[in-house]
Amino acid sequence: MAKHNEFGKKGEQLAVNFLVKKGYSIREKNYRYLKAEVDIIAQKGEILAIVEVRSRSTNFIENIADTVTKKKMQLQILAADHYVTDLDLDVDVQFDIITIRKDKTEYLINHIENAYYHF
């Protein structure tokens, strides 16, 4: 596995651990539907969080969350709609972004809840 892929997987695991500590239960990891992939689907009460994880080991990008494109958001919405409909869930859906920046020996985690809205 390429080094950047390993770092991405490490970032996703850090995000899972972070969410569990915040009281979320993890329903799915790397959920796929058509061309969409959702890194994490987590639930806390009646809230279903569709989570995109962005990990970077560089400071060249000031706001990592800005790397989530409109196309990526549309695919996330498509996958979330399918997931909720397929399982006939009665939940509120929010779209979150978790950014992870490696700063020398520590990981800085930022959870942006309701990062964008579906229309």
PDB file of N, CA and C in Angstrom:
ATOM      1  N   MET A   1       0.845  -1.178   0.000  1.00  0.00           N
ATOM      2  CA  MET A   1       0.000   0.000   0.000  1.00  0.00           C
ATOM      3  C   MET A   1       0.890   1.240   0.000  1.00  0.00           C
ATOM      4  N   ALA A   2       0.550   2.226  -0.814  1.00  0.00           N
ATOM      5  CA  ALA A   2       1.319   3.461  -0.894  1.00  0.00           C
ATOM      6  C   ALA A   2       1.259   4.205   0.435  1.00  0.00           C
ATOM      7  N   LYS A   3       2.314   4.968   0.707  1.00  0.00           N
ATOM      8  CA  LYS A   3       2.424   5.669   1.985  1.00  0.00           C
ATOM      9  C   LYS A   3       1.243   6.619   2.234  1.00  0.00           C
ATOM     10  N   HIS A   4       0.784   7.329   1.175  1.00  0.00           N
ATOM     11  CA  HIS A   4      -0.339   8.248   1.367  1.00  0.00           C
ATOM     12  C   HIS A   4      -1.635   7.486   1.658  1.00  0.00           C
ATOM     13  N   ASN A   5      -1.778   6.274   1.101  1.00  0.00           N
ATOM     14  CA  ASN A   5      -2.957   5.453   1.406  1.00  0.00           C
ATOM     15  C   ASN A   5      -2.934   4.983   2.860  1.00  0.00           C
ATOM     16  N   GLU A   6      -1.753   4.616   3.332  1.00  0.00           N
ATOM     17  CA  GLU A   6      -1.609   4.205   4.732  1.00  0.00           C
ATOM     18  C   GLU A   6      -1.979   5.353   5.666  1.00  0.00           C
ATOM     19  N   PHE A   7      -1.525   6.555   5.319  1.00  0.00           N
ATOM     20  CA  PHE A   7      -1.832   7.728   6.137  1.00  0.00           C
ATOM     21  C   PHE A   7      -3.334   8.017   6.114  1.00  0.00           C
ATOM     22  N   GLY A   8      -3.962   7.847   4.954  1.00  0.00           N
ATOM     23  CA  GLY A   8      -5.405   8.039   4.844  1.00  0.00           C
ATOM     24  C   GLY A   8      -6.176   7.054   5.708  1.00  0.00           C
ATOM     25  N   LYS A   9      -5.765   5.791   5.699  1.00  0.00           N
ATOM     26  CA  LYS A   9      -6.411   4.768   6.532  1.00  0.00           C
ATOM     27  C   LYS A   9      -6.200   5.071   8.018  1.00  0.00           C
ATOM     28  N   LYS A  10      -5.003   5.542   8.370  1.00  0.00           N
ATOM     29  CA  LYS A  10      -4.714   5.923   9.754  1.00  0.00           C
ATOM     30  C   LYS A  10      -5.632   7.076  10.166  1.00  0.00           C
ATOM     31  N   GLY A  11      -5.818   8.038   9.254  1.00  0.00           N
ATOM     32  CA  GLY A  11      -6.703   9.163   9.519  1.00  0.00           C
ATOM     33  C   GLY A  11      -8.141   8.725   9.737  1.00  0.00           C
ATOM     34  N   GLU A  12      -8.604   7.783   8.925  1.00  0.00           N
ATOM     35  CA  GLU A  12      -9.966   7.282   9.087  1.00  0.00           C
ATOM     36  C   GLU A  12     -10.139   6.574  10.429  1.00  0.00           C
ATOM     37  N   GLN A  13      -9.140   5.822  10.845  1.00  0.00           N
ATOM     38  CA  GLN A  13      -9.228   5.151  12.143  1.00  0.00           C
ATOM     39  C   GLN A  13      -9.208   6.153  13.292  1.00  0.00           C
ATOM     40  N   LEU A  14      -8.394   7.193  13.177  1.00  0.00           N
ATOM     41  CA  LEU A  14      -8.388   8.251  14.191  1.00  0.00           C
ATOM     42  C   LEU A  14      -9.763   8.920  14.267  1.00  0.00           C
ATOM     43  N   ALA A  15     -10.388   9.123  13.105  1.00  0.00           N
ATOM     44  CA  ALA A  15     -11.714   9.736  13.070  1.00  0.00           C
ATOM     45  C   ALA A  15     -12.755   8.826  13.725  1.00  0.00           C
ATOM     46  N   VAL A  16     -12.680   7.535  13.447  1.00  0.00           N
ATOM     47  CA  VAL A  16     -13.588   6.573  14.091  1.00  0.00           C
ATOM     48  C   VAL A  16     -13.427   6.637  15.610  1.00  0.00           C
ATOM     49  N   ASN A  17     -12.203   6.576  16.084  1.00  0.00           N
ATOM     50  CA  ASN A  17     -11.939   6.632  17.527  1.00  0.00           C
ATOM     51  C   ASN A  17     -12.480   7.929  18.135  1.00  0.00           C
ATOM     52  N   PHE A  18     -12.283   9.026  17.431  1.00  0.00           N
ATOM     53  CA  PHE A  18     -12.748  10.342  17.871  1.00  0.00           C
ATOM     54  C   PHE A  18     -14.277  10.349  18.005  1.00  0.00           C
ATOM     55  N   LEU A  19     -14.962   9.830  16.981  1.00  0.00           N
ATOM     56  CA  LEU A  19     -16.423   9.806  16.999  1.00  0.00           C
ATOM     57  C   LEU A  19     -16.960   8.917  18.118  1.00  0.00           C
ATOM     58  N   VAL A  20     -16.347   7.774  18.321  1.00  0.00           N
ATOM     59  CA  VAL A  20     -16.777   6.865  19.391  1.00  0.00           C
ATOM     60  C   VAL A  20     -16.642   7.557  20.744  1.00  0.00           C
ATOM     61  N   LYS A  21     -15.545   8.283  20.946  1.00  0.00           N
ATOM     62  CA  LYS A  21     -15.353   9.015  22.213  1.00  0.00           C
ATOM     63  C   LYS A  21     -16.413  10.099  22.401  1.00  0.00           C
ATOM     64  N   LYS A  22     -16.946  10.622  21.273  1.00  0.00           N
ATOM     65  CA  LYS A  22     -17.995  11.647  21.341  1.00  0.00           C
ATOM     66  C   LYS A  22     -19.392  11.030  21.466  1.00  0.00           C
ATOM     67  N   GLY A  23     -19.470   9.706  21.575  1.00  0.00           N
ATOM     68  CA  GLY A  23     -20.752   9.060  21.797  1.00  0.00           C
ATOM     69  C   GLY A  23     -21.458   8.541  20.555  1.00  0.00           C
ATOM     70  N   TYR A  24     -20.793   8.563  19.424  1.00  0.00           N
ATOM     71  CA  TYR A  24     -21.377   8.036  18.188  1.00  0.00           C
ATOM     72  C   TYR A  24     -21.154   6.523  18.115  1.00  0.00           C
ATOM     73  N   SER A  25     -22.079   5.834  17.489  1.00  0.00           N
ATOM     74  CA  SER A  25     -21.843   4.436  17.146  1.00  0.00           C
ATOM     75  C   SER A  25     -21.537   4.402  15.648  1.00  0.00           C
ATOM     76  N   ILE A  26     -20.620   3.565  15.269  1.00  0.00           N
ATOM     77  CA  ILE A  26     -20.202   3.470  13.868  1.00  0.00           C
ATOM     78  C   ILE A  26     -21.061   2.415  13.187  1.00  0.00           C
ATOM     79  N   ARG A  27     -21.803   2.852  12.172  1.00  0.00           N
ATOM     80  CA  ARG A  27     -22.669   1.936  11.431  1.00  0.00           C
ATOM     81  C   ARG A  27     -21.945   1.333  10.230  1.00  0.00           C
ATOM     82  N   GLU A  28     -21.127   2.133   9.556  1.00  0.00           N
ATOM     83  CA  GLU A  28     -20.430   1.679   8.346  1.00  0.00           C
ATOM     84  C   GLU A  28     -19.108   2.424   8.209  1.00  0.00           C
ATOM     85  N   LYS A  29     -18.166   1.739   7.590  1.00  0.00           N
ATOM     86  CA  LYS A  29     -16.920   2.384   7.166  1.00  0.00           C
ATOM     87  C   LYS A  29     -16.751   2.069   5.687  1.00  0.00           C
ATOM     88  N   ASN A  30     -16.348   3.055   4.920  1.00  0.00           N
ATOM     89  CA  ASN A  30     -16.117   2.914   3.482  1.00  0.00           C
ATOM     90  C   ASN A  30     -17.349   2.350   2.765  1.00  0.00           C
ATOM     91  N   TYR A  31     -18.499   2.939   3.051  1.00  0.00           N
ATOM     92  CA  TYR A  31     -19.758   2.538   2.418  1.00  0.00           C
ATOM     93  C   TYR A  31     -19.762   3.013   0.967  1.00  0.00           C
ATOM     94  N   ARG A  32     -20.098   2.105   0.060  1.00  0.00           N
ATOM     95  CA  ARG A  32     -20.103   2.429  -1.372  1.00  0.00           C
ATOM     96  C   ARG A  32     -21.501   2.277  -1.960  1.00  0.00           C
ATOM     97  N   TYR A  33     -21.822   3.241  -2.808  1.00  0.00           N
ATOM     98  CA  TYR A  33     -23.043   3.181  -3.608  1.00  0.00           C
ATOM     99  C   TYR A  33     -22.748   3.859  -4.945  1.00  0.00           C
ATOM    100  N   LEU A  34     -22.920   3.096  -6.021  1.00  0.00           N
ATOM    101  CA  LEU A  34     -22.572   3.562  -7.363  1.00  0.00           C
ATOM    102  C   LEU A  34     -21.150   4.126  -7.348  1.00  0.00           C
ATOM    103  N   LYS A  35     -20.984   5.407  -7.695  1.00  0.00           N
ATOM    104  CA  LYS A  35     -19.646   6.012  -7.721  1.00  0.00           C
ATOM    105  C   LYS A  35     -19.286   6.723  -6.416  1.00  0.00           C
ATOM    106  N   ALA A  36     -20.155   6.613  -5.442  1.00  0.00           N
ATOM    107  CA  ALA A  36     -19.945   7.321  -4.174  1.00  0.00           C
ATOM    108  C   ALA A  36     -19.306   6.413  -3.140  1.00  0.00           C
ATOM    109  N   GLU A  37     -18.470   7.011  -2.310  1.00  0.00           N
ATOM    110  CA  GLU A  37     -17.944   6.321  -1.142  1.00  0.00           C
ATOM    111  C   GLU A  37     -18.040   7.261   0.048  1.00  0.00           C
ATOM    112  N   VAL A  38     -18.612   6.745   1.127  1.00  0.00           N
ATOM    113  CA  VAL A  38     -18.706   7.496   2.371  1.00  0.00           C
ATOM    114  C   VAL A  38     -17.690   6.884   3.321  1.00  0.00           C
ATOM    115  N   ASP A  39     -16.797   7.719   3.846  1.00  0.00           N
ATOM    116  CA  ASP A  39     -15.751   7.208   4.738  1.00  0.00           C
ATOM    117  C   ASP A  39     -16.348   6.568   5.986  1.00  0.00           C
ATOM    118  N   ILE A  40     -17.263   7.302   6.643  1.00  0.00           N
ATOM    119  CA  ILE A  40     -17.852   6.805   7.888  1.00  0.00           C
ATOM    120  C   ILE A  40     -19.333   7.189   7.925  1.00  0.00           C
ATOM    121  N   ILE A  41     -20.160   6.245   8.315  1.00  0.00           N
ATOM    122  CA  ILE A  41     -21.546   6.542   8.651  1.00  0.00           C
ATOM    123  C   ILE A  41     -21.679   6.235  10.137  1.00  0.00           C
ATOM    124  N   ALA A  42     -22.012   7.266  10.905  1.00  0.00           N
ATOM    125  CA  ALA A  42     -22.091   7.137  12.358  1.00  0.00           C
ATOM    126  C   ALA A  42     -23.439   7.642  12.834  1.00  0.00           C
ATOM    127  N   GLN A  43     -23.850   7.172  14.002  1.00  0.00           N
ATOM    128  CA  GLN A  43     -25.138   7.600  14.545  1.00  0.00           C
ATOM    129  C   GLN A  43     -24.999   7.943  16.013  1.00  0.00           C
ATOM    130  N   LYS A  44     -25.693   9.022  16.364  1.00  0.00           N
ATOM    131  CA  LYS A  44     -25.772   9.442  17.762  1.00  0.00           C
ATOM    132  C   LYS A  44     -27.219   9.860  17.997  1.00  0.00           C
ATOM    133  N   GLY A  45     -27.944   9.047  18.723  1.00  0.00           N
ATOM    134  CA  GLY A  45     -29.368   9.306  18.906  1.00  0.00           C
ATOM    135  C   GLY A  45     -30.085   9.204  17.573  1.00  0.00           C
ATOM    136  N   GLU A  46     -30.833  10.232  17.242  1.00  0.00           N
ATOM    137  CA  GLU A  46     -31.595  10.257  15.988  1.00  0.00           C
ATOM    138  C   GLU A  46     -30.834  10.947  14.859  1.00  0.00           C
ATOM    139  N   ILE A  47     -29.562  11.231  15.075  1.00  0.00           N
ATOM    140  CA  ILE A  47     -28.739  11.893  14.061  1.00  0.00           C
ATOM    141  C   ILE A  47     -27.856  10.868  13.367  1.00  0.00           C
ATOM    142  N   LEU A  48     -27.957  10.818  12.049  1.00  0.00           N
ATOM    143  CA  LEU A  48     -27.082   9.981  11.233  1.00  0.00           C
ATOM    144  C   LEU A  48     -26.057  10.907  10.592  1.00  0.00           C
ATOM    145  N   ALA A  49     -24.803  10.698  10.908  1.00  0.00           N
ATOM    146  CA  ALA A  49     -23.730  11.544  10.382  1.00  0.00           C
ATOM    147  C   ALA A  49     -23.041  10.843   9.212  1.00  0.00           C
ATOM    148  N   ILE A  50     -23.032  11.513   8.084  1.00  0.00           N
ATOM    149  CA  ILE A  50     -22.307  11.069   6.900  1.00  0.00           C
ATOM    150  C   ILE A  50     -20.995  11.839   6.942  1.00  0.00           C
ATOM    151  N   VAL A  51     -19.896  11.125   7.167  1.00  0.00           N
ATOM    152  CA  VAL A  51     -18.638  11.783   7.502  1.00  0.00           C
ATOM    153  C   VAL A  51     -17.587  11.578   6.406  1.00  0.00           C
ATOM    154  N   GLU A  52     -17.054  12.685   5.929  1.00  0.00           N
ATOM    155  CA  GLU A  52     -15.923  12.685   5.009  1.00  0.00           C
ATOM    156  C   GLU A  52     -14.681  12.992   5.839  1.00  0.00           C
ATOM    157  N   VAL A  53     -13.658  12.156   5.700  1.00  0.00           N
ATOM    158  CA  VAL A  53     -12.415  12.348   6.450  1.00  0.00           C
ATOM    159  C   VAL A  53     -11.347  12.858   5.485  1.00  0.00           C
ATOM    160  N   ARG A  54     -10.685  13.937   5.872  1.00  0.00           N
ATOM    161  CA  ARG A  54      -9.589  14.501   5.083  1.00  0.00           C
ATOM    162  C   ARG A  54      -8.343  14.558   5.951  1.00  0.00           C
ATOM    163  N   SER A  55      -7.316  13.817   5.543  1.00  0.00           N
ATOM    164  CA  SER A  55      -6.066  13.764   6.310  1.00  0.00           C
ATOM    165  C   SER A  55      -4.948  14.384   5.489  1.00  0.00           C
ATOM    166  N   ARG A  56      -4.154  15.208   6.133  1.00  0.00           N
ATOM    167  CA  ARG A  56      -3.024  15.835   5.464  1.00  0.00           C
ATOM    168  C   ARG A  56      -1.822  15.847   6.404  1.00  0.00           C
ATOM    169  N   SER A  57      -0.653  15.692   5.830  1.00  0.00           N
ATOM    170  CA  SER A  57       0.575  15.745   6.625  1.00  0.00           C
ATOM    171  C   SER A  57       1.389  16.976   6.256  1.00  0.00           C
ATOM    172  N   THR A  58       0.744  17.919   5.623  1.00  0.00           N
ATOM    173  CA  THR A  58       1.424  19.132   5.187  1.00  0.00           C
ATOM    174  C   THR A  58       0.647  20.356   5.643  1.00  0.00           C
ATOM    175  N   ASN A  59       1.314  21.465   5.769  1.00  0.00           N
ATOM    176  CA  ASN A  59       0.661  22.721   6.129  1.00  0.00           C
ATOM    177  C   ASN A  59       0.413  23.609   4.919  1.00  0.00           C
ATOM    178  N   PHE A  60       0.617  23.066   3.716  1.00  0.00           N
ATOM    179  CA  PHE A  60       0.437  23.874   2.512  1.00  0.00           C
ATOM    180  C   PHE A  60      -1.026  24.245   2.279  1.00  0.00           C
ATOM    181  N   ILE A  61      -1.948  23.417   2.755  1.00  0.00           N
ATOM    182  CA  ILE A  61      -3.369  23.700   2.615  1.00  0.00           C
ATOM    183  C   ILE A  61      -3.848  24.275   3.935  1.00  0.00           C
ATOM    184  N   GLU A  62      -4.282  25.523   3.914  1.00  0.00           N
ATOM    185  CA  GLU A  62      -4.679  26.176   5.159  1.00  0.00           C
ATOM    186  C   GLU A  62      -5.963  25.572   5.730  1.00  0.00           C
ATOM    187  N   ASN A  63      -6.987  25.410   4.885  1.00  0.00           N
ATOM    188  CA  ASN A  63      -8.244  24.841   5.356  1.00  0.00           C
ATOM    189  C   ASN A  63      -8.501  23.534   4.614  1.00  0.00           C
ATOM    190  N   ILE A  64      -8.205  22.441   5.266  1.00  0.00           N
ATOM    191  CA  ILE A  64      -8.313  21.116   4.646  1.00  0.00           C
ATOM    192  C   ILE A  64      -9.750  20.836   4.200  1.00  0.00           C
ATOM    193  N   ALA A  65     -10.726  21.316   4.951  1.00  0.00           N
ATOM    194  CA  ALA A  65     -12.130  21.057   4.615  1.00  0.00           C
ATOM    195  C   ALA A  65     -12.493  21.614   3.243  1.00  0.00           C
ATOM    196  N   ASP A  66     -11.782  22.641   2.801  1.00  0.00           N
ATOM    197  CA  ASP A  66     -12.058  23.230   1.487  1.00  0.00           C
ATOM    198  C   ASP A  66     -11.717  22.291   0.334  1.00  0.00           C
ATOM    199  N   THR A  67     -11.042  21.177   0.616  1.00  0.00           N
ATOM    200  CA  THR A  67     -10.698  20.230  -0.446  1.00  0.00           C
ATOM    201  C   THR A  67     -11.872  19.322  -0.821  1.00  0.00           C
ATOM    202  N   VAL A  68     -12.966  19.395  -0.068  1.00  0.00           N
ATOM    203  CA  VAL A  68     -14.161  18.621  -0.403  1.00  0.00           C
ATOM    204  C   VAL A  68     -14.896  19.367  -1.515  1.00  0.00           C
ATOM    205  N   THR A  69     -14.960  18.755  -2.686  1.00  0.00           N
ATOM    206  CA  THR A  69     -15.533  19.410  -3.861  1.00  0.00           C
ATOM    207  C   THR A  69     -17.057  19.306  -3.881  1.00  0.00           C
ATOM    208  N   LYS A  70     -17.662  20.125  -4.725  1.00  0.00           N
ATOM    209  CA  LYS A  70     -19.113  20.085  -4.910  1.00  0.00           C
ATOM    210  C   LYS A  70     -19.532  18.703  -5.421  1.00  0.00           C
ATOM    211  N   LYS A  71     -18.758  18.130  -6.324  1.00  0.00           N
ATOM    212  CA  LYS A  71     -19.052  16.802  -6.859  1.00  0.00           C
ATOM    213  C   LYS A  71     -19.029  15.759  -5.736  1.00  0.00           C
ATOM    214  N   LYS A  72     -18.031  15.845  -4.846  1.00  0.00           N
ATOM    215  CA  LYS A  72     -17.934  14.922  -3.723  1.00  0.00           C
ATOM    216  C   LYS A  72     -19.164  15.058  -2.826  1.00  0.00           C
ATOM    217  N   MET A  73     -19.593  16.295  -2.582  1.00  0.00           N
ATOM    218  CA  MET A  73     -20.777  16.534  -1.765  1.00  0.00           C
ATOM    219  C   MET A  73     -22.006  15.893  -2.407  1.00  0.00           C
ATOM    220  N   GLN A  74     -22.159  16.059  -3.714  1.00  0.00           N
ATOM    221  CA  GLN A  74     -23.301  15.481  -4.421  1.00  0.00           C
ATOM    222  C   GLN A  74     -23.296  13.958  -4.314  1.00  0.00           C
ATOM    223  N   LEU A  75     -22.127  13.349  -4.436  1.00  0.00           N
ATOM    224  CA  LEU A  75     -22.031  11.893  -4.312  1.00  0.00           C
ATOM    225  C   LEU A  75     -22.358  11.435  -2.892  1.00  0.00           C
ATOM    226  N   GLN A  76     -21.929  12.200  -1.906  1.00  0.00           N
ATOM    227  CA  GLN A  76     -22.235  11.876  -0.508  1.00  0.00           C
ATOM    228  C   GLN A  76     -23.744  11.913  -0.266  1.00  0.00           C
ATOM    229  N   ILE A  77     -24.384  12.915  -0.824  1.00  0.00           N
ATOM    230  CA  ILE A  77     -25.833  13.066  -0.681  1.00  0.00           C
ATOM    231  C   ILE A  77     -26.546  11.890  -1.347  1.00  0.00           C
ATOM    232  N   LEU A  78     -26.092  11.510  -2.519  1.00  0.00           N
ATOM    233  CA  LEU A  78     -26.667  10.365  -3.236  1.00  0.00           C
ATOM    234  C   LEU A  78     -26.546   9.082  -2.406  1.00  0.00           C
ATOM    235  N   ALA A  79     -25.362   8.840  -1.875  1.00  0.00           N
ATOM    236  CA  ALA A  79     -25.119   7.635  -1.072  1.00  0.00           C
ATOM    237  C   ALA A  79     -25.953   7.655   0.211  1.00  0.00           C
ATOM    238  N   ALA A  80     -26.027   8.814   0.854  1.00  0.00           N
ATOM    239  CA  ALA A  80     -26.799   8.931   2.094  1.00  0.00           C
ATOM    240  C   ALA A  80     -28.280   8.663   1.839  1.00  0.00           C
ATOM    241  N   ASP A  81     -28.787   9.222   0.747  1.00  0.00           N
ATOM    242  CA  ASP A  81     -30.191   9.006   0.404  1.00  0.00           C
ATOM    243  C   ASP A  81     -30.467   7.517   0.187  1.00  0.00           C
ATOM    244  N   HIS A  82     -29.578   6.849  -0.531  1.00  0.00           N
ATOM    245  CA  HIS A  82     -29.747   5.422  -0.775  1.00  0.00           C
ATOM    246  C   HIS A  82     -29.689   4.646   0.541  1.00  0.00           C
ATOM    247  N   TYR A  83     -28.730   4.953   1.381  1.00  0.00           N
ATOM    248  CA  TYR A  83     -28.551   4.244   2.648  1.00  0.00           C
ATOM    249  C   TYR A  83     -29.796   4.368   3.526  1.00  0.00           C
ATOM    250  N   VAL A  84     -30.278   5.587   3.693  1.00  0.00           N
ATOM    251  CA  VAL A  84     -31.435   5.833   4.556  1.00  0.00           C
ATOM    252  C   VAL A  84     -32.684   5.180   3.974  1.00  0.00           C
ATOM    253  N   THR A  85     -32.871   5.287   2.673  1.00  0.00           N
ATOM    254  CA  THR A  85     -34.044   4.707   2.011  1.00  0.00           C
ATOM    255  C   THR A  85     -33.987   3.189   2.042  1.00  0.00           C
ATOM    256  N   ASP A  86     -32.834   2.632   1.725  1.00  0.00           N
ATOM    257  CA  ASP A  86     -32.673   1.178   1.670  1.00  0.00           C
ATOM    258  C   ASP A  86     -32.937   0.523   3.025  1.00  0.00           C
ATOM    259  N   LEU A  87     -32.511   1.184   4.090  1.00  0.00           N
ATOM    260  CA  LEU A  87     -32.697   0.641   5.442  1.00  0.00           C
ATOM    261  C   LEU A  87     -33.965   1.159   6.121  1.00  0.00           C
ATOM    262  N   ASP A  88     -34.704   2.017   5.407  1.00  0.00           N
ATOM    263  CA  ASP A  88     -35.944   2.595   5.923  1.00  0.00           C
ATOM    264  C   ASP A  88     -35.718   3.222   7.308  1.00  0.00           C
ATOM    265  N   LEU A  89     -34.694   4.056   7.392  1.00  0.00           N
ATOM    266  CA  LEU A  89     -34.343   4.705   8.656  1.00  0.00           C
ATOM    267  C   LEU A  89     -35.162   5.980   8.859  1.00  0.00           C
ATOM    268  N   ASP A  90     -35.520   6.239  10.096  1.00  0.00           N
ATOM    269  CA  ASP A  90     -36.205   7.471  10.469  1.00  0.00           C
ATOM    270  C   ASP A  90     -35.232   8.300  11.303  1.00  0.00           C
ATOM    271  N   VAL A  91     -34.353   9.005  10.611  1.00  0.00           N
ATOM    272  CA  VAL A  91     -33.296   9.776  11.268  1.00  0.00           C
ATOM    273  C   VAL A  91     -33.138  11.129  10.581  1.00  0.00           C
ATOM    274  N   ASP A  92     -32.510  12.048  11.285  1.00  0.00           N
ATOM    275  CA  ASP A  92     -32.065  13.295  10.675  1.00  0.00           C
ATOM    276  C   ASP A  92     -30.651  13.053  10.176  1.00  0.00           C
ATOM    277  N   VAL A  93     -30.365  13.514   8.980  1.00  0.00           N
ATOM    278  CA  VAL A  93     -29.051  13.294   8.378  1.00  0.00           C
ATOM    279  C   VAL A  93     -28.259  14.590   8.405  1.00  0.00           C
ATOM    280  N   GLN A  94     -27.002  14.485   8.831  1.00  0.00           N
ATOM    281  CA  GLN A  94     -26.102  15.632   8.747  1.00  0.00           C
ATOM    282  C   GLN A  94     -24.845  15.200   8.028  1.00  0.00           C
ATOM    283  N   PHE A  95     -24.235  16.129   7.326  1.00  0.00           N
ATOM    284  CA  PHE A  95     -23.021  15.867   6.569  1.00  0.00           C
ATOM    285  C   PHE A  95     -21.867  16.563   7.264  1.00  0.00           C
ATOM    286  N   ASP A  96     -20.934  15.754   7.777  1.00  0.00           N
ATOM    287  CA  ASP A  96     -19.811  16.261   8.554  1.00  0.00           C
ATOM    288  C   ASP A  96     -18.504  16.059   7.807  1.00  0.00           C
ATOM    289  N   ILE A  97     -17.531  16.859   8.178  1.00  0.00           N
ATOM    290  CA  ILE A  97     -16.163  16.685   7.688  1.00  0.00           C
ATOM    291  C   ILE A  97     -15.259  16.613   8.917  1.00  0.00           C
ATOM    292  N   ILE A  98     -14.410  15.608   8.942  1.00  0.00           N
ATOM    293  CA  ILE A  98     -13.381  15.536   9.978  1.00  0.00           C
ATOM    294  C   ILE A  98     -12.046  15.725   9.279  1.00  0.00           C
ATOM    295  N   THR A  99     -11.302  16.731   9.723  1.00  0.00           N
ATOM    296  CA  THR A  99      -9.973  16.960   9.172  1.00  0.00           C
ATOM    297  C   THR A  99      -8.933  16.517  10.189  1.00  0.00           C
ATOM    298  N   ILE A 100      -7.879  15.925   9.646  1.00  0.00           N
ATOM    299  CA  ILE A 100      -6.774  15.457  10.483  1.00  0.00           C
ATOM    300  C   ILE A 100      -5.484  15.961   9.866  1.00  0.00           C
ATOM    301  N   ARG A 101      -4.755  16.715  10.660  1.00  0.00           N
ATOM    302  CA  ARG A 101      -3.469  17.247  10.202  1.00  0.00           C
ATOM    303  C   ARG A 101      -2.379  16.696  11.107  1.00  0.00           C
ATOM    304  N   LYS A 102      -1.396  16.071  10.479  1.00  0.00           N
ATOM    305  CA  LYS A 102      -0.268  15.573  11.262  1.00  0.00           C
ATOM    306  C   LYS A 102       0.714  16.725  11.443  1.00  0.00           C
ATOM    307  N   ASP A 103       0.982  17.031  12.687  1.00  0.00           N
ATOM    308  CA  ASP A 103       1.895  18.120  13.023  1.00  0.00           C
ATOM    309  C   ASP A 103       3.064  17.525  13.802  1.00  0.00           C
ATOM    310  N   LYS A 104       4.116  17.185  13.098  1.00  0.00           N
ATOM    311  CA  LYS A 104       5.280  16.494  13.656  1.00  0.00           C
ATOM    312  C   LYS A 104       4.872  15.153  14.245  1.00  0.00           C
ATOM    313  N   THR A 105       4.666  15.068  15.557  1.00  0.00           N
ATOM    314  CA  THR A 105       4.358  13.773  16.170  1.00  0.00           C
ATOM    315  C   THR A 105       2.923  13.660  16.660  1.00  0.00           C
ATOM    316  N   GLU A 106       2.119  14.715  16.504  1.00  0.00           N
ATOM    317  CA  GLU A 106       0.735  14.642  16.973  1.00  0.00           C
ATOM    318  C   GLU A 106      -0.242  14.867  15.826  1.00  0.00           C
ATOM    319  N   TYR A 107      -1.468  14.417  16.046  1.00  0.00           N
ATOM    320  CA  TYR A 107      -2.524  14.572  15.058  1.00  0.00           C
ATOM    321  C   TYR A 107      -3.535  15.582  15.587  1.00  0.00           C
ATOM    322  N   LEU A 108      -3.828  16.581  14.784  1.00  0.00           N
ATOM    323  CA  LEU A 108      -4.798  17.604  15.155  1.00  0.00           C
ATOM    324  C   LEU A 108      -6.114  17.279  14.447  1.00  0.00           C
ATOM    325  N   ILE A 109      -7.166  17.049  15.222  1.00  0.00           N
ATOM    326  CA  ILE A 109      -8.448  16.621  14.682  1.00  0.00           C
ATOM    327  C   ILE A 109      -9.466  17.745  14.842  1.00  0.00           C
ATOM    328  N   ASN A 110     -10.180  18.034  13.749  1.00  0.00           N
ATOM    329  CA  ASN A 110     -11.237  19.040  13.760  1.00  0.00           C
ATOM    330  C   ASN A 110     -12.501  18.413  13.182  1.00  0.00           C
ATOM    331  N   HIS A 111     -13.585  18.459  13.931  1.00  0.00           N
ATOM    332  CA  HIS A 111     -14.869  17.896  13.501  1.00  0.00           C
ATOM    333  C   HIS A 111     -15.802  19.042  13.142  1.00  0.00           C
ATOM    334  N   ILE A 112     -16.150  19.142  11.879  1.00  0.00           N
ATOM    335  CA  ILE A 112     -17.069  20.176  11.410  1.00  0.00           C
ATOM    336  C   ILE A 112     -18.430  19.503  11.209  1.00  0.00           C
ATOM    337  N   GLU A 113     -19.328  19.742  12.150  1.00  0.00           N
ATOM    338  CA  GLU A 113     -20.666  19.166  12.045  1.00  0.00           C
ATOM    339  C   GLU A 113     -21.514  20.030  11.124  1.00  0.00           C
ATOM    340  N   ASN A 114     -22.417  19.379  10.377  1.00  0.00           N
ATOM    341  CA  ASN A 114     -23.261  20.101   9.415  1.00  0.00           C
ATOM    342  C   ASN A 114     -22.417  20.972   8.491  1.00  0.00           C
ATOM    343  N   ALA A 115     -21.375  20.388   7.934  1.00  0.00           N
ATOM    344  CA  ALA A 115     -20.441  21.129   7.082  1.00  0.00           C
ATOM    345  C   ALA A 115     -21.101  21.639   5.814  1.00  0.00           C
ATOM    346  N   TYR A 116     -22.086  20.915   5.336  1.00  0.00           N
ATOM    347  CA  TYR A 116     -22.859  21.340   4.163  1.00  0.00           C
ATOM    348  C   TYR A 116     -24.242  20.703   4.231  1.00  0.00           C
ATOM    349  N   TYR A 117     -25.140  21.238   3.455  1.00  0.00           N
ATOM    350  CA  TYR A 117     -26.521  20.782   3.480  1.00  0.00           C
ATOM    351  C   TYR A 117     -26.921  20.195   2.140  1.00  0.00           C
ATOM    352  N   HIS A 118     -27.813  19.224   2.174  1.00  0.00           N
ATOM    353  CA  HIS A 118     -28.333  18.670   0.931  1.00  0.00           C
ATOM    354  C   HIS A 118     -29.547  19.515   0.513  1.00  0.00           C
ATOM    355  N   PHE A 119     -29.770  19.548  -0.783  1.00  0.00           N
ATOM    356  CA  PHE A 119     -30.878  20.368  -1.299  1.00  0.00           C
ATOM    357  C   PHE A 119     -31.843  19.517  -2.075  1.00  0.00           C
TER     358      PHE A 119
END
